[in-house]
Amino acid sequence: MKKALKILLIILLSIAGMLLISLLVLAFYSPGKLEALKDKDGKEITGSLSEKNLTKIGGIKQGFFIRSENPENPVILFLHGGPGSPEFAMFSPFETSERLEKYFTVCYWDQRGAGMSFSKSIDPATMTVEQMVEDTRQMTNICSNVLIRIRYI
């Protein structure tokens, strides 16, 4: 019996350790301010776009990142697998110079209830398909407006 408890304790401590390491990695790579896009030689790409933004959509603050090597490229609104699982912070530290942003202007949106758009004050009753579709429609307009502002500054 003592051996089983010892094994269980080791398993639980291992899981807790992995969770702590994961949180530290996310905190370390968490984009407070996004780095400029760089080429394969590590040099900043002139004219590239790399921004972190917050906006009000559907009555709550929602966050998004918008990045492109050339803001004139076609726009993609990247919808993560959420709610609850934004992906940008998980894959951005491992990207290479061969990325979507080379060919598109990508708007990575943390949908209602996830990432920068998480808030304990969000009413769970607002987590409906209809609300998510409306949020998506509004986010599409906001991404377009950000690009119009950038293109004509």
N, C-alpha and C. Protein backbone atom coordinates (compact mmCIF):
# COMPACT_ATOMS: atom_id res chain seq x y z
N MET A 1 0.82 -1.20 0.00
CA MET A 1 0.00 0.00 0.00
C MET A 1 0.86 1.26 0.00
N LYS A 2 1.94 1.27 0.80
CA LYS A 2 2.83 2.43 0.85
C LYS A 2 3.49 2.66 -0.50
N LYS A 3 3.81 1.57 -1.18
CA LYS A 3 4.45 1.69 -2.50
C LYS A 3 3.50 2.33 -3.51
N ALA A 4 2.23 1.96 -3.46
CA ALA A 4 1.23 2.53 -4.36
C ALA A 4 1.06 4.03 -4.10
N LEU A 5 1.05 4.41 -2.81
CA LEU A 5 0.93 5.84 -2.47
C LEU A 5 2.16 6.61 -2.93
N LYS A 6 3.30 6.00 -2.80
CA LYS A 6 4.54 6.66 -3.22
C LYS A 6 4.54 6.86 -4.74
N ILE A 7 4.09 5.86 -5.49
CA ILE A 7 4.00 5.97 -6.95
C ILE A 7 2.99 7.04 -7.34
N LEU A 8 1.83 7.05 -6.67
CA LEU A 8 0.81 8.07 -6.94
C LEU A 8 1.35 9.47 -6.66
N LEU A 9 2.07 9.63 -5.57
CA LEU A 9 2.66 10.92 -5.23
C LEU A 9 3.67 11.36 -6.29
N ILE A 10 4.49 10.45 -6.76
CA ILE A 10 5.46 10.76 -7.81
C ILE A 10 4.75 11.18 -9.09
N ILE A 11 3.69 10.47 -9.45
CA ILE A 11 2.92 10.82 -10.65
C ILE A 11 2.31 12.22 -10.51
N LEU A 12 1.68 12.49 -9.36
CA LEU A 12 1.06 13.80 -9.14
C LEU A 12 2.09 14.92 -9.15
N LEU A 13 3.23 14.70 -8.53
CA LEU A 13 4.29 15.72 -8.53
C LEU A 13 4.83 15.93 -9.95
N SER A 14 4.93 14.87 -10.72
CA SER A 14 5.40 14.99 -12.11
C SER A 14 4.42 15.81 -12.93
N ILE A 15 3.13 15.54 -12.78
CA ILE A 15 2.11 16.30 -13.51
C ILE A 15 2.14 17.77 -13.09
N ALA A 16 2.23 18.02 -11.78
CA ALA A 16 2.30 19.40 -11.30
C ALA A 16 3.54 20.10 -11.85
N GLY A 17 4.67 19.40 -11.88
CA GLY A 17 5.90 19.97 -12.42
C GLY A 17 5.77 20.31 -13.89
N MET A 18 5.15 19.42 -14.67
CA MET A 18 4.95 19.69 -16.11
C MET A 18 4.04 20.89 -16.32
N LEU A 19 2.98 20.97 -15.52
CA LEU A 19 2.07 22.12 -15.64
C LEU A 19 2.80 23.42 -15.30
N LEU A 20 3.61 23.41 -14.26
CA LEU A 20 4.36 24.59 -13.88
C LEU A 20 5.34 25.00 -14.98
N ILE A 21 6.04 24.05 -15.54
CA ILE A 21 6.96 24.34 -16.64
C ILE A 21 6.22 24.91 -17.83
N SER A 22 5.05 24.34 -18.16
CA SER A 22 4.25 24.83 -19.28
C SER A 22 3.82 26.28 -19.05
N LEU A 23 3.38 26.58 -17.83
CA LEU A 23 2.97 27.96 -17.52
C LEU A 23 4.15 28.92 -17.60
N LEU A 24 5.31 28.50 -17.14
CA LEU A 24 6.49 29.35 -17.21
C LEU A 24 6.90 29.60 -18.67
N VAL A 25 6.82 28.58 -19.50
CA VAL A 25 7.15 28.73 -20.92
C VAL A 25 6.17 29.71 -21.57
N LEU A 26 4.87 29.55 -21.29
CA LEU A 26 3.88 30.47 -21.86
C LEU A 26 4.10 31.89 -21.35
N ALA A 27 4.40 32.04 -20.06
CA ALA A 27 4.64 33.38 -19.51
C ALA A 27 5.88 34.01 -20.14
N PHE A 28 6.92 33.22 -20.35
CA PHE A 28 8.16 33.73 -20.93
C PHE A 28 7.94 34.16 -22.38
N TYR A 29 7.18 33.38 -23.13
CA TYR A 29 6.95 33.69 -24.54
C TYR A 29 5.68 34.51 -24.77
N SER A 30 4.97 34.84 -23.71
CA SER A 30 3.73 35.60 -23.85
C SER A 30 4.03 36.95 -24.48
N PRO A 31 3.37 37.24 -25.57
CA PRO A 31 3.67 38.48 -26.26
C PRO A 31 3.05 39.71 -25.62
N GLY A 32 3.79 40.37 -24.73
CA GLY A 32 3.34 41.65 -24.21
C GLY A 32 3.33 42.65 -25.35
N LYS A 33 4.38 42.64 -26.12
CA LYS A 33 4.48 43.42 -27.35
C LYS A 33 5.12 42.48 -28.37
N LEU A 34 4.54 42.42 -29.52
CA LEU A 34 5.04 41.50 -30.52
C LEU A 34 6.36 41.97 -31.11
N GLU A 35 7.23 41.01 -31.36
CA GLU A 35 8.48 41.31 -32.05
C GLU A 35 8.17 41.56 -33.52
N ALA A 36 9.00 42.35 -34.15
CA ALA A 36 8.87 42.56 -35.59
C ALA A 36 9.16 41.25 -36.31
N LEU A 37 8.56 41.09 -37.47
CA LEU A 37 8.83 39.90 -38.28
C LEU A 37 10.25 40.00 -38.83
N LYS A 38 10.92 38.85 -38.83
CA LYS A 38 12.32 38.82 -39.28
C LYS A 38 12.49 37.82 -40.41
N ASP A 39 13.49 38.10 -41.25
CA ASP A 39 13.78 37.18 -42.34
C ASP A 39 14.62 36.02 -41.83
N LYS A 40 15.03 35.13 -42.74
CA LYS A 40 15.78 33.94 -42.32
C LYS A 40 17.14 34.28 -41.72
N ASP A 41 17.65 35.50 -41.97
CA ASP A 41 18.92 35.93 -41.40
C ASP A 41 18.75 36.67 -40.07
N GLY A 42 17.49 36.77 -39.61
CA GLY A 42 17.23 37.44 -38.34
C GLY A 42 17.09 38.94 -38.43
N LYS A 43 17.03 39.47 -39.66
CA LYS A 43 16.88 40.92 -39.83
C LYS A 43 15.41 41.29 -39.94
N GLU A 44 15.05 42.42 -39.33
CA GLU A 44 13.67 42.88 -39.37
C GLU A 44 13.25 43.14 -40.82
N ILE A 45 12.05 42.70 -41.17
CA ILE A 45 11.52 42.87 -42.52
C ILE A 45 10.92 44.27 -42.63
N THR A 46 11.51 45.09 -43.46
CA THR A 46 11.05 46.47 -43.66
C THR A 46 9.61 46.47 -44.17
N GLY A 47 8.76 47.29 -43.56
CA GLY A 47 7.37 47.42 -43.99
C GLY A 47 6.46 46.33 -43.45
N SER A 48 7.01 45.41 -42.65
CA SER A 48 6.18 44.34 -42.10
C SER A 48 5.28 44.88 -40.99
N LEU A 49 4.31 44.09 -40.62
CA LEU A 49 3.32 44.48 -39.63
C LEU A 49 3.30 43.42 -38.53
N SER A 50 3.33 43.85 -37.29
CA SER A 50 3.27 42.93 -36.15
C SER A 50 2.71 43.71 -34.96
N GLU A 51 1.41 43.56 -34.73
CA GLU A 51 0.74 44.33 -33.68
C GLU A 51 -0.12 43.46 -32.78
N LYS A 52 -0.24 43.89 -31.53
CA LYS A 52 -1.16 43.30 -30.56
C LYS A 52 -2.22 44.36 -30.30
N ASN A 53 -3.49 43.96 -30.36
CA ASN A 53 -4.58 44.92 -30.20
C ASN A 53 -5.68 44.38 -29.29
N LEU A 54 -6.42 45.29 -28.69
CA LEU A 54 -7.64 44.98 -27.96
C LEU A 54 -8.75 45.84 -28.53
N THR A 55 -9.93 45.26 -28.64
CA THR A 55 -11.08 46.00 -29.15
C THR A 55 -12.34 45.48 -28.46
N LYS A 56 -13.40 46.25 -28.51
CA LYS A 56 -14.66 45.82 -27.90
C LYS A 56 -15.53 45.18 -28.98
N ILE A 57 -15.89 43.93 -28.75
CA ILE A 57 -16.75 43.19 -29.68
C ILE A 57 -17.83 42.51 -28.85
N GLY A 58 -19.06 42.66 -29.27
CA GLY A 58 -20.16 41.99 -28.56
C GLY A 58 -20.23 42.36 -27.09
N GLY A 59 -19.83 43.58 -26.75
CA GLY A 59 -19.93 44.05 -25.38
C GLY A 59 -18.77 43.70 -24.48
N ILE A 60 -17.74 42.99 -24.99
CA ILE A 60 -16.58 42.65 -24.15
C ILE A 60 -15.28 42.95 -24.90
N LYS A 61 -14.21 43.17 -24.13
CA LYS A 61 -12.90 43.38 -24.74
C LYS A 61 -12.39 42.07 -25.30
N GLN A 62 -11.93 42.13 -26.55
CA GLN A 62 -11.36 40.94 -27.18
C GLN A 62 -10.03 41.33 -27.81
N GLY A 63 -9.09 40.40 -27.76
CA GLY A 63 -7.75 40.67 -28.23
C GLY A 63 -7.42 39.96 -29.53
N PHE A 64 -6.48 40.56 -30.27
CA PHE A 64 -6.02 39.93 -31.50
C PHE A 64 -4.62 40.42 -31.85
N PHE A 65 -3.94 39.60 -32.62
CA PHE A 65 -2.62 39.93 -33.16
C PHE A 65 -2.79 40.01 -34.67
N ILE A 66 -2.15 40.98 -35.28
CA ILE A 66 -2.21 41.08 -36.74
C ILE A 66 -0.77 41.19 -37.24
N ARG A 67 -0.43 40.30 -38.19
CA ARG A 67 0.96 40.21 -38.64
C ARG A 67 1.00 39.96 -40.14
N SER A 68 2.00 40.56 -40.78
CA SER A 68 2.19 40.34 -42.21
C SER A 68 3.57 40.85 -42.63
N GLU A 69 4.19 40.14 -43.55
CA GLU A 69 5.44 40.65 -44.12
C GLU A 69 5.13 41.80 -45.06
N ASN A 70 3.91 41.81 -45.62
CA ASN A 70 3.47 42.88 -46.52
C ASN A 70 1.98 43.11 -46.26
N PRO A 71 1.59 44.21 -45.61
CA PRO A 71 0.18 44.47 -45.30
C PRO A 71 -0.74 44.56 -46.51
N GLU A 72 -0.18 44.59 -47.72
CA GLU A 72 -1.00 44.59 -48.94
C GLU A 72 -1.48 43.18 -49.29
N ASN A 73 -0.93 42.16 -48.63
CA ASN A 73 -1.33 40.77 -48.89
C ASN A 73 -2.79 40.55 -48.51
N PRO A 74 -3.43 39.52 -49.09
CA PRO A 74 -4.81 39.19 -48.70
C PRO A 74 -4.88 38.86 -47.21
N VAL A 75 -6.05 39.09 -46.61
CA VAL A 75 -6.24 38.92 -45.17
C VAL A 75 -6.85 37.56 -44.86
N ILE A 76 -6.32 36.92 -43.81
CA ILE A 76 -6.89 35.70 -43.26
C ILE A 76 -7.23 35.96 -41.80
N LEU A 77 -8.44 35.61 -41.40
CA LEU A 77 -8.81 35.67 -39.99
C LEU A 77 -8.63 34.25 -39.45
N PHE A 78 -7.64 34.09 -38.56
CA PHE A 78 -7.31 32.77 -38.01
C PHE A 78 -8.19 32.52 -36.79
N LEU A 79 -9.05 31.51 -36.87
CA LEU A 79 -9.92 31.14 -35.76
C LEU A 79 -9.32 29.93 -35.07
N HIS A 80 -8.94 30.09 -33.82
CA HIS A 80 -8.34 28.98 -33.08
C HIS A 80 -9.40 27.95 -32.72
N GLY A 81 -8.99 26.88 -32.10
CA GLY A 81 -9.89 25.79 -31.75
C GLY A 81 -10.71 26.02 -30.51
N GLY A 82 -10.76 27.24 -30.02
CA GLY A 82 -11.43 27.59 -28.76
C GLY A 82 -12.92 27.38 -28.82
N PRO A 83 -13.66 27.90 -27.89
CA PRO A 83 -13.13 28.81 -26.89
C PRO A 83 -12.23 28.08 -25.88
N GLY A 84 -11.28 28.83 -25.38
CA GLY A 84 -10.44 28.32 -24.33
C GLY A 84 -9.06 27.88 -24.75
N SER A 85 -8.76 27.90 -26.06
CA SER A 85 -7.43 27.41 -26.46
C SER A 85 -6.80 28.27 -27.55
N PRO A 86 -6.41 29.50 -27.22
CA PRO A 86 -5.72 30.29 -28.24
C PRO A 86 -4.39 29.64 -28.59
N GLU A 87 -4.00 29.71 -29.84
CA GLU A 87 -2.84 28.96 -30.29
C GLU A 87 -1.63 29.82 -30.62
N PHE A 88 -1.81 31.10 -30.85
CA PHE A 88 -0.72 31.95 -31.31
C PHE A 88 0.51 31.86 -30.39
N ALA A 89 0.29 32.00 -29.08
CA ALA A 89 1.42 31.98 -28.13
C ALA A 89 2.11 30.63 -28.08
N MET A 90 1.42 29.57 -28.52
CA MET A 90 2.01 28.24 -28.46
C MET A 90 2.91 27.94 -29.66
N PHE A 91 2.56 28.49 -30.83
CA PHE A 91 3.39 28.15 -32.00
C PHE A 91 4.32 29.27 -32.44
N SER A 92 4.07 30.51 -32.05
CA SER A 92 4.91 31.61 -32.52
C SER A 92 6.39 31.47 -32.13
N PRO A 93 6.72 30.92 -30.95
CA PRO A 93 8.15 30.80 -30.64
C PRO A 93 8.90 29.82 -31.55
N PHE A 94 8.17 28.97 -32.26
CA PHE A 94 8.79 27.93 -33.07
C PHE A 94 8.69 28.20 -34.57
N GLU A 95 8.18 29.38 -34.95
CA GLU A 95 8.00 29.63 -36.37
C GLU A 95 9.33 29.85 -37.09
N THR A 96 9.28 29.67 -38.39
CA THR A 96 10.45 29.89 -39.24
C THR A 96 10.13 31.04 -40.18
N SER A 97 11.03 31.32 -41.10
CA SER A 97 10.76 32.39 -42.06
C SER A 97 9.72 31.96 -43.10
N GLU A 98 9.43 30.68 -43.18
CA GLU A 98 8.39 30.17 -44.08
C GLU A 98 7.10 30.07 -43.27
N ARG A 99 6.30 31.12 -43.32
CA ARG A 99 5.11 31.22 -42.49
C ARG A 99 3.97 31.83 -43.29
N LEU A 100 2.76 31.73 -42.78
CA LEU A 100 1.58 32.29 -43.45
C LEU A 100 1.75 33.78 -43.73
N GLU A 101 2.40 34.49 -42.80
CA GLU A 101 2.56 35.93 -42.91
C GLU A 101 3.39 36.35 -44.12
N LYS A 102 4.03 35.41 -44.76
CA LYS A 102 4.80 35.71 -45.97
C LYS A 102 3.85 35.97 -47.14
N TYR A 103 2.72 35.29 -47.13
CA TYR A 103 1.78 35.34 -48.26
C TYR A 103 0.46 36.03 -47.93
N PHE A 104 0.17 36.17 -46.63
CA PHE A 104 -1.10 36.73 -46.18
C PHE A 104 -0.88 37.69 -45.03
N THR A 105 -1.85 38.55 -44.81
CA THR A 105 -1.93 39.32 -43.57
C THR A 105 -2.82 38.50 -42.66
N VAL A 106 -2.27 38.04 -41.54
CA VAL A 106 -2.99 37.11 -40.68
C VAL A 106 -3.43 37.82 -39.41
N CYS A 107 -4.71 37.72 -39.14
CA CYS A 107 -5.30 38.27 -37.92
C CYS A 107 -5.59 37.08 -36.99
N TYR A 108 -4.78 36.94 -35.94
CA TYR A 108 -4.97 35.86 -34.96
C TYR A 108 -5.85 36.41 -33.85
N TRP A 109 -7.07 35.94 -33.78
CA TRP A 109 -8.05 36.47 -32.85
C TRP A 109 -8.25 35.52 -31.68
N ASP A 110 -8.14 36.03 -30.47
CA ASP A 110 -8.48 35.26 -29.27
C ASP A 110 -9.98 35.45 -29.06
N GLN A 111 -10.75 34.44 -29.45
CA GLN A 111 -12.20 34.54 -29.39
C GLN A 111 -12.71 34.68 -27.96
N ARG A 112 -13.94 35.13 -27.86
CA ARG A 112 -14.64 35.30 -26.59
C ARG A 112 -14.33 34.14 -25.64
N GLY A 113 -13.82 34.47 -24.46
CA GLY A 113 -13.57 33.46 -23.44
C GLY A 113 -12.20 32.81 -23.51
N ALA A 114 -11.33 33.25 -24.45
CA ALA A 114 -10.03 32.61 -24.60
C ALA A 114 -8.92 33.66 -24.64
N GLY A 115 -7.75 33.29 -24.11
CA GLY A 115 -6.56 34.15 -24.20
C GLY A 115 -6.80 35.54 -23.69
N MET A 116 -6.44 36.54 -24.52
CA MET A 116 -6.61 37.94 -24.12
C MET A 116 -8.08 38.32 -24.00
N SER A 117 -8.98 37.51 -24.56
CA SER A 117 -10.41 37.80 -24.52
C SER A 117 -11.11 37.12 -23.35
N PHE A 118 -10.33 36.48 -22.47
CA PHE A 118 -10.92 35.83 -21.31
C PHE A 118 -11.24 36.85 -20.23
N SER A 119 -12.38 36.66 -19.61
CA SER A 119 -12.76 37.46 -18.44
C SER A 119 -13.74 36.64 -17.62
N LYS A 120 -13.55 36.65 -16.31
CA LYS A 120 -14.48 35.93 -15.43
C LYS A 120 -15.87 36.54 -15.50
N SER A 121 -15.96 37.79 -15.94
CA SER A 121 -17.25 38.47 -15.96
C SER A 121 -18.09 38.14 -17.19
N ILE A 122 -17.56 37.35 -18.11
CA ILE A 122 -18.35 36.98 -19.30
C ILE A 122 -19.48 36.05 -18.86
N ASP A 123 -20.67 36.43 -19.21
CA ASP A 123 -21.84 35.62 -18.90
C ASP A 123 -21.83 34.37 -19.78
N PRO A 124 -21.83 33.19 -19.18
CA PRO A 124 -21.81 31.95 -19.98
C PRO A 124 -22.98 31.87 -20.97
N ALA A 125 -24.07 32.57 -20.68
CA ALA A 125 -25.22 32.56 -21.59
C ALA A 125 -24.89 33.24 -22.92
N THR A 126 -23.81 34.04 -22.95
CA THR A 126 -23.44 34.70 -24.21
C THR A 126 -22.56 33.80 -25.09
N MET A 127 -22.22 32.63 -24.60
CA MET A 127 -21.37 31.71 -25.37
C MET A 127 -22.26 30.86 -26.27
N THR A 128 -22.88 31.52 -27.24
CA THR A 128 -23.77 30.83 -28.17
C THR A 128 -23.18 30.87 -29.58
N VAL A 129 -23.66 29.99 -30.42
CA VAL A 129 -23.21 29.99 -31.82
C VAL A 129 -23.55 31.33 -32.46
N GLU A 130 -24.74 31.83 -32.19
CA GLU A 130 -25.16 33.11 -32.78
C GLU A 130 -24.22 34.24 -32.38
N GLN A 131 -23.85 34.29 -31.09
CA GLN A 131 -22.95 35.34 -30.61
C GLN A 131 -21.56 35.19 -31.21
N MET A 132 -21.08 33.95 -31.31
CA MET A 132 -19.76 33.71 -31.90
C MET A 132 -19.73 34.13 -33.37
N VAL A 133 -20.81 33.86 -34.09
CA VAL A 133 -20.88 34.28 -35.50
C VAL A 133 -20.88 35.81 -35.59
N GLU A 134 -21.64 36.46 -34.72
CA GLU A 134 -21.67 37.93 -34.72
C GLU A 134 -20.32 38.51 -34.33
N ASP A 135 -19.66 37.91 -33.34
CA ASP A 135 -18.31 38.35 -32.97
C ASP A 135 -17.37 38.22 -34.16
N THR A 136 -17.47 37.12 -34.89
CA THR A 136 -16.62 36.88 -36.05
C THR A 136 -16.87 37.93 -37.13
N ARG A 137 -18.13 38.26 -37.36
CA ARG A 137 -18.46 39.29 -38.35
C ARG A 137 -17.83 40.62 -37.96
N GLN A 138 -17.97 40.99 -36.68
CA GLN A 138 -17.39 42.25 -36.21
C GLN A 138 -15.87 42.23 -36.28
N MET A 139 -15.26 41.10 -35.93
CA MET A 139 -13.80 41.00 -35.97
C MET A 139 -13.28 41.13 -37.39
N THR A 140 -14.00 40.57 -38.35
CA THR A 140 -13.62 40.70 -39.76
C THR A 140 -13.57 42.18 -40.16
N ASN A 141 -14.59 42.94 -39.77
CA ASN A 141 -14.61 44.38 -40.07
C ASN A 141 -13.47 45.11 -39.37
N ILE A 142 -13.18 44.75 -38.13
CA ILE A 142 -12.11 45.42 -37.37
C ILE A 142 -10.76 45.16 -38.01
N CYS A 143 -10.48 43.91 -38.39
CA CYS A 143 -9.20 43.60 -39.07
C CYS A 143 -9.06 44.42 -40.35
N SER A 144 -10.13 44.50 -41.11
CA SER A 144 -10.09 45.28 -42.35
C SER A 144 -9.82 46.75 -42.05
N ASN A 145 -10.46 47.29 -41.01
CA ASN A 145 -10.25 48.70 -40.66
C ASN A 145 -8.84 48.97 -40.16
N VAL A 146 -8.25 48.03 -39.42
CA VAL A 146 -6.86 48.19 -38.96
C VAL A 146 -5.95 48.28 -40.18
N LEU A 147 -6.18 47.42 -41.16
CA LEU A 147 -5.33 47.43 -42.35
C LEU A 147 -5.52 48.70 -43.17
N ILE A 148 -6.74 49.18 -43.28
CA ILE A 148 -6.98 50.44 -44.00
C ILE A 148 -6.23 51.57 -43.31
N ARG A 149 -6.28 51.59 -41.97
CA ARG A 149 -5.58 52.64 -41.22
C ARG A 149 -4.07 52.55 -41.47
N ILE A 150 -3.52 51.35 -41.45
CA ILE A 150 -2.08 51.17 -41.65
C ILE A 150 -1.66 51.52 -43.07
N ARG A 151 -2.44 51.12 -44.04
CA ARG A 151 -2.09 51.34 -45.43
C ARG A 151 -2.08 52.82 -45.81
N TYR A 152 -2.92 53.60 -45.12
CA TYR A 152 -3.07 55.00 -45.53
C TYR A 152 -2.55 55.99 -44.51
N ILE A 153 -1.64 55.56 -43.66
CA ILE A 153 -1.03 56.48 -42.69
C ILE A 153 -0.01 57.34 -43.42
